[in-house]
Protein backbone atom coordinates (compact mmCIF):
# COMPACT_ATOMS: atom_id res chain seq x y z
CA MET A 1 -223.93 36.60 3.85
CA ILE A 2 -226.26 36.21 6.79
CA VAL A 3 -226.62 39.04 9.27
CA PHE A 4 -228.18 38.79 12.73
CA ASP A 5 -229.47 41.65 14.80
CA SER A 6 -228.22 42.33 18.30
CA LYS A 7 -231.12 40.60 20.01
CA SER A 8 -230.69 37.43 17.95
CA LYS A 9 -226.96 37.46 18.62
CA LYS A 10 -227.57 37.81 22.36
CA GLN A 11 -230.07 34.92 22.33
CA LEU A 12 -227.68 32.70 20.42
CA ILE A 13 -224.82 33.52 22.79
CA ASP A 14 -226.99 32.95 25.88
CA LEU A 15 -228.21 29.63 24.49
CA PHE A 16 -224.66 28.54 23.87
CA GLU A 17 -223.48 29.56 27.33
CA GLN A 18 -226.41 27.99 29.13
CA LYS A 19 -227.00 24.80 27.19
CA ARG A 20 -223.88 24.53 25.03
CA MET A 21 -226.07 24.54 21.94
CA GLY A 22 -224.98 26.52 18.91
CA ILE A 23 -225.41 26.84 15.19
CA GLU A 24 -224.00 23.86 13.27
CA GLY A 25 -223.21 23.09 9.70
CA ASN A 26 -221.96 25.05 6.71
CA ILE A 27 -224.24 27.94 7.60
CA LEU A 28 -221.52 29.15 10.00
CA LYS A 29 -219.39 30.08 7.00
CA LEU A 30 -222.15 32.41 5.74
CA ILE A 31 -222.69 34.40 8.94
CA ASP A 32 -221.32 37.94 9.05
CA VAL A 33 -220.15 38.89 12.56
CA GLU A 34 -219.99 42.60 11.59
CA GLY A 35 -217.04 43.29 13.83
CA ASP A 36 -218.81 42.00 16.97
CA GLU A 37 -216.00 40.27 18.89
CA LYS A 38 -218.30 38.47 21.31
CA PHE A 39 -220.45 37.18 18.46
CA ALA A 40 -217.27 36.30 16.53
CA GLU A 41 -216.13 34.32 19.56
CA TYR A 42 -219.52 32.64 19.59
CA ILE A 43 -219.14 31.75 15.91
CA GLN A 44 -215.60 30.47 16.54
CA ASN A 45 -216.79 28.35 19.46
CA SER A 46 -219.71 27.08 17.39
CA VAL A 47 -217.33 26.21 14.54
CA GLU A 48 -215.02 24.35 16.93
CA LYS A 49 -217.95 22.65 18.57
CA ASP A 50 -219.29 21.75 15.13
CA LYS A 51 -215.89 20.32 14.20
CA ASP A 52 -215.87 18.31 17.44
CA ASN A 53 -219.39 17.14 16.77
CA ARG A 54 -218.51 16.24 13.21
CA LYS A 55 -215.44 14.43 14.45
CA LYS A 56 -217.51 12.63 17.07
CA ARG A 57 -220.20 11.76 14.54
CA LEU A 58 -217.48 10.57 12.16
CA GLU A 59 -215.99 8.41 14.89
CA ILE A 60 -219.43 7.19 15.81
CA THR A 61 -220.13 6.52 12.16
CA LYS A 62 -216.86 4.62 11.85
CA GLN A 63 -217.64 2.70 15.02
CA ILE A 64 -221.11 1.98 13.71
CA GLN A 65 -219.62 0.84 10.41
CA ILE A 66 -217.12 -1.31 12.27
CA GLN A 67 -219.88 -2.65 14.46
CA ASN A 68 -222.05 -3.20 11.39
CA LYS A 69 -219.17 -5.04 9.77
CA GLU A 70 -218.63 -7.05 12.91
CA LEU A 71 -222.35 -7.67 13.14
CA THR A 72 -222.37 -8.72 9.49
CA GLU A 73 -219.47 -11.07 10.09
CA SER A 74 -221.13 -12.28 13.30
CA LYS A 75 -224.33 -12.78 11.34
CA LYS A 76 -222.45 -14.78 8.72
CA GLU A 77 -220.75 -16.78 11.46
CA LEU A 78 -224.08 -17.22 13.18
CA GLU A 79 -225.68 -18.31 9.93
CA GLY A 80 -222.75 -20.70 9.38
CA SER A 81 -223.16 -21.95 12.95
CA GLN A 82 -226.89 -22.30 12.39
CA ARG A 83 -226.24 -24.25 9.20
CA SER A 84 -223.72 -26.42 11.03
CA LEU A 85 -226.18 -26.80 13.86
CA GLN A 86 -228.93 -27.68 11.40
CA GLU A 87 -226.66 -30.23 9.72
CA SER A 88 -225.74 -31.59 13.14
CA LEU A 89 -229.41 -31.76 14.07
CA GLU A 90 -230.15 -33.54 10.81
CA GLN A 91 -227.29 -35.96 11.47
CA ILE A 92 -228.52 -36.47 15.02
CA GLN A 93 -232.04 -37.02 13.70
CA ALA A 94 -230.71 -39.51 11.16
CA SER A 95 -228.67 -41.22 13.90
CA MET A 96 -231.74 -41.35 16.12
CA GLU A 97 -233.78 -42.84 13.29
CA GLU A 98 -231.03 -45.40 12.64
CA ALA A 99 -230.85 -46.14 16.36
CA GLN A 100 -234.62 -46.54 16.50
CA SER A 101 -234.51 -48.79 13.46
CA ALA A 102 -231.73 -50.83 15.06
CA LYS A 103 -233.74 -50.97 18.28
CA ASP A 104 -236.82 -52.13 16.39
CA GLN A 105 -234.73 -54.73 14.57
CA ALA A 106 -233.21 -55.90 17.85
CA GLU A 107 -236.67 -56.11 19.42
CA LYS A 108 -237.89 -58.08 16.41
CA MET A 109 -234.90 -60.43 16.68
CA ARG A 110 -235.53 -60.80 20.42
CA LEU A 111 -239.18 -61.71 19.80
CA GLU A 112 -238.13 -64.17 17.09
CA ALA A 113 -235.54 -65.67 19.45
CA GLU A 114 -238.15 -66.02 22.19
CA LYS A 115 -240.55 -67.61 19.71
CA ALA A 116 -237.83 -69.99 18.51
CA LYS A 117 -237.01 -70.82 22.14
CA GLU A 118 -240.67 -71.53 22.88
CA GLU A 119 -240.92 -73.68 19.76
CA ALA A 120 -237.73 -75.53 20.75
CA GLU A 121 -239.09 -76.12 24.25
CA LEU A 122 -242.40 -77.31 22.78
CA ALA A 123 -240.54 -79.62 20.39
CA LYS A 124 -238.46 -80.88 23.32
CA GLU A 125 -241.60 -81.57 25.32
CA GLU A 126 -243.18 -83.33 22.34
CA ALA A 127 -239.99 -85.36 21.83
CA GLU A 128 -239.95 -86.25 25.54
CA LEU A 129 -243.62 -87.25 25.34
CA ALA A 130 -242.94 -89.32 22.21
CA ARG A 131 -239.96 -90.94 23.97
CA GLU A 132 -242.13 -91.77 26.98
CA GLU A 133 -244.82 -93.15 24.69
CA ALA A 134 -242.19 -95.19 22.80
CA GLU A 135 -240.77 -96.43 26.12
CA GLN A 136 -244.26 -97.34 27.28
CA ALA A 137 -244.97 -99.06 23.95
CA ARG A 138 -241.66 -100.93 24.26
CA GLU A 139 -242.51 -102.02 27.79
CA GLU A 140 -245.98 -103.09 26.63
CA SER A 141 -244.40 -104.92 23.70
CA GLU A 142 -241.93 -106.66 26.01
CA THR A 143 -244.78 -107.50 28.38
CA ALA A 144 -246.84 -108.87 25.48
CA LYS A 145 -243.79 -110.75 24.19
CA SER A 146 -243.15 -112.22 27.61
CA LYS A 147 -246.81 -113.16 27.90
CA VAL A 148 -246.79 -114.76 24.43
CA GLU A 149 -243.55 -116.60 25.19
CA ASN A 150 -244.98 -117.75 28.52
CA ASP A 151 -248.22 -118.86 26.83
CA LEU A 152 -246.21 -120.56 24.07
CA ASP A 153 -243.99 -122.27 26.63
CA ILE A 154 -247.05 -123.40 28.58
CA LEU A 155 -248.69 -124.62 25.36
CA GLN A 156 -245.48 -126.36 24.29
CA LYS A 157 -245.11 -128.04 27.67
CA ARG A 158 -248.74 -129.05 27.67
CA THR A 159 -248.39 -130.42 24.14
CA GLN A 160 -245.23 -132.27 25.14
CA ASN A 161 -246.90 -133.64 28.22
CA GLU A 162 -249.91 -134.73 26.21
CA LEU A 163 -247.69 -136.31 23.56
CA ILE A 164 -245.56 -138.03 26.17
CA GLY A 165 -248.65 -139.22 27.98
CA PHE A 166 -250.06 -140.54 24.72
CA ILE A 167 -246.82 -142.34 23.84
CA VAL A 168 -246.58 -143.82 27.32
CA ARG A 169 -250.18 -144.99 27.21
CA VAL A 170 -249.77 -146.56 23.77
CA ALA A 171 -246.54 -148.24 24.77
CA LEU A 172 -248.03 -149.52 27.97
CA TRP A 173 -251.12 -150.75 26.16
CA VAL A 174 -248.95 -152.52 23.62
CA ILE A 175 -246.83 -154.06 26.38
CA VAL A 176 -249.89 -155.03 28.38
CA GLY A 177 -251.56 -156.42 25.25
CA VAL A 178 -248.54 -158.49 24.27
CA GLY A 179 -248.22 -159.66 27.88
CA ILE A 180 -251.91 -160.61 28.00
CA VAL A 181 -251.68 -162.45 24.66
CA THR A 182 -248.51 -164.28 25.67
CA THR A 183 -249.92 -165.17 29.09
CA SER A 184 -253.19 -166.36 27.48
CA VAL A 185 -251.28 -168.68 25.13
CA TYR A 186 -249.24 -169.96 28.05
CA ILE A 187 -252.37 -170.58 30.16
CA PHE A 188 -254.11 -172.22 27.16
CA SER A 189 -251.17 -174.55 26.77
CA ILE A 190 -251.32 -175.48 30.43
CA ILE A 191 -255.06 -176.17 30.21
CA ALA A 192 -254.60 -178.17 27.01
CA GLU A 193 -251.87 -180.18 28.73
CA LYS A 194 -249.37 -179.43 26.05
CA ASP A 195 -245.60 -179.32 26.42
CA THR A 196 -245.21 -176.07 28.29
CA GLN A 197 -241.45 -176.08 28.73
CA VAL A 198 -240.75 -174.22 25.52
CA ILE A 199 -243.77 -172.00 25.99
CA ALA A 200 -242.79 -171.16 29.56
CA SER A 201 -239.31 -170.26 28.47
CA THR A 202 -240.66 -168.16 25.62
CA TRP A 203 -243.22 -166.53 27.93
CA ALA A 204 -240.57 -165.63 30.47
CA ASN A 205 -238.31 -164.15 27.76
CA ILE A 206 -241.16 -162.14 26.28
CA ILE A 207 -242.26 -160.83 29.67
CA GLY A 208 -238.65 -159.83 30.46
CA ILE A 209 -238.29 -158.10 27.10
CA LEU A 210 -241.61 -156.31 27.57
CA LEU A 211 -240.65 -155.11 31.04
CA THR A 212 -237.24 -154.00 29.79
CA ASN A 213 -238.79 -152.16 26.87
CA ALA A 214 -241.41 -150.59 29.16
CA PHE A 215 -238.78 -149.22 31.53
CA SER A 216 -236.60 -148.18 28.56
CA ILE A 217 -239.48 -146.25 26.99
CA VAL A 218 -240.42 -144.53 30.25
CA GLY A 219 -236.79 -143.68 30.98
CA THR A 220 -236.20 -142.34 27.49
CA ILE A 221 -239.31 -140.17 27.63
CA MET A 222 -238.41 -138.79 31.06
CA GLY A 223 -234.90 -138.05 29.86
CA VAL A 224 -236.21 -136.20 26.80
CA LYS A 225 -238.63 -134.22 28.99
CA TYR A 226 -235.85 -133.28 31.44
CA ALA A 227 -233.56 -132.22 28.60
CA SER A 228 -236.30 -130.09 27.00
CA GLU A 229 -236.98 -128.37 30.32
CA LYS A 230 -233.28 -127.50 30.70
C-alpha cells in the first residue's frame, strides 16, 4: 500500500480543488487513506474522475476507430474514385488522340480534295484550251478547204474556158479554112470560065452547112459552159 503524509495529502486535495487534476490509473487502488475522510473523498473523486476520463478516452478511442474506419473506407473510395478518374482520364486522352487522328485525317482528305479540285480545274482549262485550239484548227482547215475549193474552181473554170476557147478557135479555123477552099475553087471556076452552076450550088450548100455547124458548135459550147456553172 502507498501512504502519503499530511502535507502531500493537502497538496493533492488543493490541486484537485483548484485545477481539477488528480491521481489517475490503477495506483488509486494502492493508496491507503488511513482513515482520513477528506483524503478518502479525494481518492473517491479521483477514482470517479478517472472512470469518467477512461470512459471519455474509450469513447474518444471508439470515435477515433470509427473515424479511422470511415477514413479507411473514404480512402478506399477515394482510391477507387482516383482509379476511375485515372481510367476516365485515360479514356479521355484516348478519345482526344482519336479525335486528333480523325482531325488530321479530315485535314488530309480536305487537302487531297482541294488538290483534286485544282487538278480538275487545270484539266478543265487544258480541255477548254484544246477545244479552242481544235476549233481554231477546224476553222483554219475550213478556210484552207474553202481556199483550195475556190482555187480549184477558178482553175477548173480557167481550164474549161481555155479548152472551150481552143475548141472554138479550131472549129472556126476549120470552118474558115473550108470556106476559103470552097470559095477559092468557086472563084477559080469562074476565072477558068467553067460551068459554075453546079459549083455555085455546091458552094452555097457548103457555106450554109459551115455556118450552121459554126453556130451549132458555139451554141453547144455555151450551153455546156452554162450547165457547168449551174
